[in-house]
Amino acid sequence: MSEANTEELIKVHDNLGAHGYGFGFEVEDTTETTIVGHSGRFDGISANLDIFTKNGYIVVLLSNQSAGIAPLRQVTRALVHRLGTPQ
């Protein structure tokens, strides 16, 4: 996929009525990076994908609990923040 198409995919499209959402991805700007990803849950399972676009990290969380991802997501984001950008 071209760089231009990738940028369009992960850019926020507020005109579509979903604030903070690109084409199929949640987009969150922080002071250090932009986090692009998606999360979801169903009875007995939950998952989260975080792509830290400026740091180069990708974190995938899978849980066999409906609400198991939320605390893990906070911990992994804090860890990536502490790690910073790889040299």
N, C-alpha and C. Protein backbone atom coordinates (compact mmCIF):
# COMPACT_ATOMS: atom_id res chain seq x y z
N MET A 1 0.84 -1.16 0.00
CA MET A 1 0.00 0.00 0.00
C MET A 1 0.90 1.24 0.00
N SER A 2 0.53 2.23 -0.75
CA SER A 2 1.35 3.44 -0.85
C SER A 2 1.34 4.22 0.47
N GLU A 3 2.35 5.06 0.63
CA GLU A 3 2.43 5.89 1.83
C GLU A 3 1.23 6.84 1.91
N ALA A 4 0.82 7.39 0.77
CA ALA A 4 -0.34 8.30 0.75
C ALA A 4 -1.61 7.58 1.19
N ASN A 5 -1.81 6.35 0.71
CA ASN A 5 -3.00 5.58 1.11
C ASN A 5 -2.94 5.19 2.58
N THR A 6 -1.75 4.86 3.07
CA THR A 6 -1.59 4.52 4.48
C THR A 6 -1.93 5.73 5.35
N GLU A 7 -1.44 6.90 4.98
CA GLU A 7 -1.75 8.12 5.73
C GLU A 7 -3.24 8.41 5.74
N GLU A 8 -3.91 8.18 4.62
CA GLU A 8 -5.36 8.39 4.54
C GLU A 8 -6.10 7.40 5.43
N LEU A 9 -5.61 6.18 5.50
CA LEU A 9 -6.23 5.13 6.30
C LEU A 9 -6.21 5.45 7.78
N ILE A 10 -5.10 6.06 8.26
CA ILE A 10 -4.96 6.29 9.70
C ILE A 10 -5.17 7.75 10.09
N LYS A 11 -5.68 8.53 9.18
CA LYS A 11 -6.00 9.94 9.48
C LYS A 11 -7.42 10.01 10.04
N VAL A 12 -7.64 10.89 11.02
CA VAL A 12 -8.98 11.06 11.58
C VAL A 12 -9.89 11.68 10.53
N HIS A 13 -11.07 11.10 10.39
CA HIS A 13 -12.07 11.58 9.43
C HIS A 13 -13.33 11.99 10.20
N ASP A 14 -13.26 13.15 10.86
CA ASP A 14 -14.39 13.63 11.65
C ASP A 14 -15.65 13.83 10.81
N ASN A 15 -15.47 14.10 9.52
CA ASN A 15 -16.63 14.31 8.65
C ASN A 15 -17.48 13.05 8.49
N LEU A 16 -16.97 11.90 8.91
CA LEU A 16 -17.75 10.67 8.84
C LEU A 16 -18.61 10.45 10.07
N GLY A 17 -18.52 11.37 11.04
CA GLY A 17 -19.37 11.29 12.23
C GLY A 17 -18.81 10.45 13.35
N ALA A 18 -17.56 10.03 13.26
CA ALA A 18 -16.95 9.23 14.31
C ALA A 18 -15.66 9.93 14.76
N HIS A 19 -15.76 10.73 15.81
CA HIS A 19 -14.61 11.50 16.29
C HIS A 19 -13.47 10.56 16.70
N GLY A 20 -12.26 10.88 16.27
CA GLY A 20 -11.10 10.08 16.65
C GLY A 20 -11.00 8.76 15.92
N TYR A 21 -11.59 8.70 14.73
CA TYR A 21 -11.63 7.43 14.00
C TYR A 21 -11.20 7.65 12.57
N GLY A 22 -10.33 6.78 12.08
CA GLY A 22 -9.91 6.80 10.68
C GLY A 22 -10.77 5.81 9.91
N PHE A 23 -10.23 5.24 8.86
CA PHE A 23 -10.95 4.22 8.10
C PHE A 23 -10.72 2.86 8.75
N GLY A 24 -11.52 2.55 9.77
CA GLY A 24 -11.43 1.26 10.46
C GLY A 24 -10.50 1.23 11.65
N PHE A 25 -9.88 2.35 11.98
CA PHE A 25 -8.93 2.40 13.09
C PHE A 25 -9.24 3.57 14.00
N GLU A 26 -9.08 3.32 15.31
CA GLU A 26 -9.11 4.41 16.28
C GLU A 26 -7.79 5.16 16.15
N VAL A 27 -7.81 6.48 16.23
CA VAL A 27 -6.60 7.28 16.11
C VAL A 27 -6.53 8.21 17.32
N GLU A 28 -5.43 8.09 18.08
CA GLU A 28 -5.26 8.90 19.28
C GLU A 28 -3.89 9.57 19.24
N ASP A 29 -3.88 10.89 19.25
CA ASP A 29 -2.62 11.63 19.28
C ASP A 29 -2.24 11.89 20.73
N THR A 30 -1.00 11.55 21.08
CA THR A 30 -0.46 11.86 22.40
C THR A 30 0.70 12.82 22.19
N THR A 31 1.32 13.25 23.27
CA THR A 31 2.45 14.18 23.13
C THR A 31 3.66 13.50 22.49
N GLU A 32 3.80 12.18 22.66
CA GLU A 32 4.96 11.47 22.14
C GLU A 32 4.73 10.81 20.78
N THR A 33 3.52 10.39 20.50
CA THR A 33 3.28 9.57 19.32
C THR A 33 1.81 9.63 18.92
N THR A 34 1.51 8.99 17.84
CA THR A 34 0.13 8.75 17.45
C THR A 34 -0.12 7.26 17.61
N ILE A 35 -1.22 6.89 18.27
CA ILE A 35 -1.55 5.49 18.47
C ILE A 35 -2.72 5.16 17.55
N VAL A 36 -2.51 4.20 16.68
CA VAL A 36 -3.53 3.75 15.75
C VAL A 36 -3.86 2.31 16.10
N GLY A 37 -5.12 1.96 16.14
CA GLY A 37 -5.45 0.58 16.47
C GLY A 37 -6.94 0.34 16.51
N HIS A 38 -7.26 -0.73 17.19
CA HIS A 38 -8.67 -1.11 17.32
C HIS A 38 -8.79 -2.05 18.49
N SER A 39 -9.93 -2.01 19.14
CA SER A 39 -10.19 -2.93 20.24
C SER A 39 -11.59 -3.47 20.09
N GLY A 40 -11.83 -4.55 20.79
CA GLY A 40 -13.16 -5.14 20.75
C GLY A 40 -13.31 -6.19 21.83
N ARG A 41 -14.55 -6.55 22.08
CA ARG A 41 -14.82 -7.58 23.09
C ARG A 41 -16.14 -8.25 22.79
N PHE A 42 -16.28 -9.41 23.34
CA PHE A 42 -17.49 -10.21 23.25
C PHE A 42 -17.52 -11.03 24.53
N ASP A 43 -18.60 -11.72 24.80
CA ASP A 43 -18.68 -12.52 26.02
C ASP A 43 -17.49 -13.47 26.13
N GLY A 44 -16.65 -13.24 27.13
CA GLY A 44 -15.54 -14.12 27.40
C GLY A 44 -14.24 -13.83 26.66
N ILE A 45 -14.21 -12.82 25.81
CA ILE A 45 -12.97 -12.48 25.10
C ILE A 45 -12.86 -10.97 24.92
N SER A 46 -11.62 -10.50 24.79
CA SER A 46 -11.38 -9.10 24.44
C SER A 46 -10.00 -9.01 23.79
N ALA A 47 -9.83 -7.98 22.97
CA ALA A 47 -8.58 -7.82 22.24
C ALA A 47 -8.31 -6.35 21.99
N ASN A 48 -7.05 -6.03 21.80
CA ASN A 48 -6.65 -4.66 21.51
C ASN A 48 -5.39 -4.67 20.64
N LEU A 49 -5.37 -3.76 19.66
CA LEU A 49 -4.20 -3.54 18.82
C LEU A 49 -3.81 -2.08 18.95
N ASP A 50 -2.56 -1.82 19.33
CA ASP A 50 -2.01 -0.46 19.38
C ASP A 50 -0.78 -0.42 18.49
N ILE A 51 -0.77 0.49 17.52
CA ILE A 51 0.39 0.74 16.68
C ILE A 51 0.88 2.14 17.02
N PHE A 52 2.08 2.23 17.57
CA PHE A 52 2.66 3.50 17.97
C PHE A 52 3.47 4.00 16.78
N THR A 53 2.87 4.86 15.98
CA THR A 53 3.41 5.20 14.66
C THR A 53 4.76 5.91 14.70
N LYS A 54 5.01 6.70 15.72
CA LYS A 54 6.27 7.45 15.77
C LYS A 54 7.35 6.73 16.57
N ASN A 55 6.95 5.75 17.40
CA ASN A 55 7.90 5.01 18.22
C ASN A 55 8.35 3.71 17.56
N GLY A 56 7.51 3.17 16.68
CA GLY A 56 7.85 1.91 16.02
C GLY A 56 7.41 0.67 16.77
N TYR A 57 6.60 0.83 17.81
CA TYR A 57 6.12 -0.33 18.57
C TYR A 57 4.73 -0.74 18.11
N ILE A 58 4.47 -2.04 18.18
CA ILE A 58 3.13 -2.59 17.93
C ILE A 58 2.83 -3.52 19.10
N VAL A 59 1.68 -3.31 19.74
CA VAL A 59 1.29 -4.13 20.89
C VAL A 59 -0.06 -4.76 20.60
N VAL A 60 -0.11 -6.09 20.72
CA VAL A 60 -1.36 -6.84 20.55
C VAL A 60 -1.68 -7.49 21.89
N LEU A 61 -2.86 -7.23 22.39
CA LEU A 61 -3.32 -7.83 23.65
C LEU A 61 -4.52 -8.71 23.38
N LEU A 62 -4.50 -9.91 23.93
CA LEU A 62 -5.61 -10.85 23.81
C LEU A 62 -5.96 -11.35 25.21
N SER A 63 -7.23 -11.44 25.50
CA SER A 63 -7.66 -11.88 26.82
C SER A 63 -8.86 -12.81 26.71
N ASN A 64 -8.92 -13.76 27.59
CA ASN A 64 -10.09 -14.64 27.64
C ASN A 64 -11.07 -14.18 28.72
N GLN A 65 -11.11 -12.87 28.93
CA GLN A 65 -12.08 -12.23 29.82
C GLN A 65 -12.71 -11.06 29.08
N SER A 66 -13.98 -10.86 29.28
CA SER A 66 -14.70 -9.80 28.57
C SER A 66 -14.11 -8.42 28.82
N ALA A 67 -13.69 -8.15 30.03
CA ALA A 67 -13.15 -6.82 30.38
C ALA A 67 -11.67 -6.92 30.75
N GLY A 68 -10.96 -7.88 30.23
CA GLY A 68 -9.58 -8.12 30.63
C GLY A 68 -8.56 -7.17 30.03
N ILE A 69 -8.91 -6.47 28.95
CA ILE A 69 -7.93 -5.67 28.23
C ILE A 69 -7.67 -4.30 28.87
N ALA A 70 -8.67 -3.65 29.41
CA ALA A 70 -8.52 -2.27 29.88
C ALA A 70 -7.31 -2.05 30.79
N PRO A 71 -7.13 -2.83 31.86
CA PRO A 71 -5.96 -2.58 32.71
C PRO A 71 -4.64 -2.89 32.00
N LEU A 72 -4.63 -3.90 31.16
CA LEU A 72 -3.41 -4.25 30.42
C LEU A 72 -3.04 -3.16 29.42
N ARG A 73 -4.04 -2.58 28.80
CA ARG A 73 -3.80 -1.51 27.83
C ARG A 73 -3.13 -0.32 28.51
N GLN A 74 -3.57 0.04 29.70
CA GLN A 74 -2.95 1.15 30.44
C GLN A 74 -1.50 0.83 30.77
N VAL A 75 -1.23 -0.39 31.20
CA VAL A 75 0.13 -0.79 31.59
C VAL A 75 1.04 -0.80 30.37
N THR A 76 0.60 -1.36 29.27
CA THR A 76 1.48 -1.43 28.09
C THR A 76 1.73 -0.04 27.50
N ARG A 77 0.74 0.82 27.52
CA ARG A 77 0.95 2.18 27.02
C ARG A 77 1.95 2.94 27.91
N ALA A 78 1.87 2.74 29.22
CA ALA A 78 2.84 3.37 30.13
C ALA A 78 4.24 2.80 29.88
N LEU A 79 4.34 1.51 29.62
CA LEU A 79 5.63 0.88 29.34
C LEU A 79 6.23 1.42 28.05
N VAL A 80 5.44 1.53 27.00
CA VAL A 80 5.94 2.07 25.74
C VAL A 80 6.38 3.52 25.94
N HIS A 81 5.63 4.27 26.72
CA HIS A 81 6.02 5.65 27.03
C HIS A 81 7.39 5.69 27.70
N ARG A 82 7.62 4.79 28.65
CA ARG A 82 8.92 4.74 29.35
C ARG A 82 10.04 4.30 28.43
N LEU A 83 9.74 3.39 27.50
CA LEU A 83 10.77 2.89 26.59
C LEU A 83 11.21 3.96 25.60
N GLY A 84 10.29 4.84 25.24
CA GLY A 84 10.60 5.90 24.27
C GLY A 84 10.82 5.33 22.87
N THR A 85 11.50 6.08 22.06
CA THR A 85 11.78 5.66 20.68
C THR A 85 13.06 4.84 20.65
N PRO A 86 13.02 3.65 20.02
CA PRO A 86 14.25 2.83 19.94
C PRO A 86 15.36 3.57 19.20
N GLN A 87 16.57 3.32 19.60
CA GLN A 87 17.73 3.96 18.95
C GLN A 87 18.16 3.15 17.74
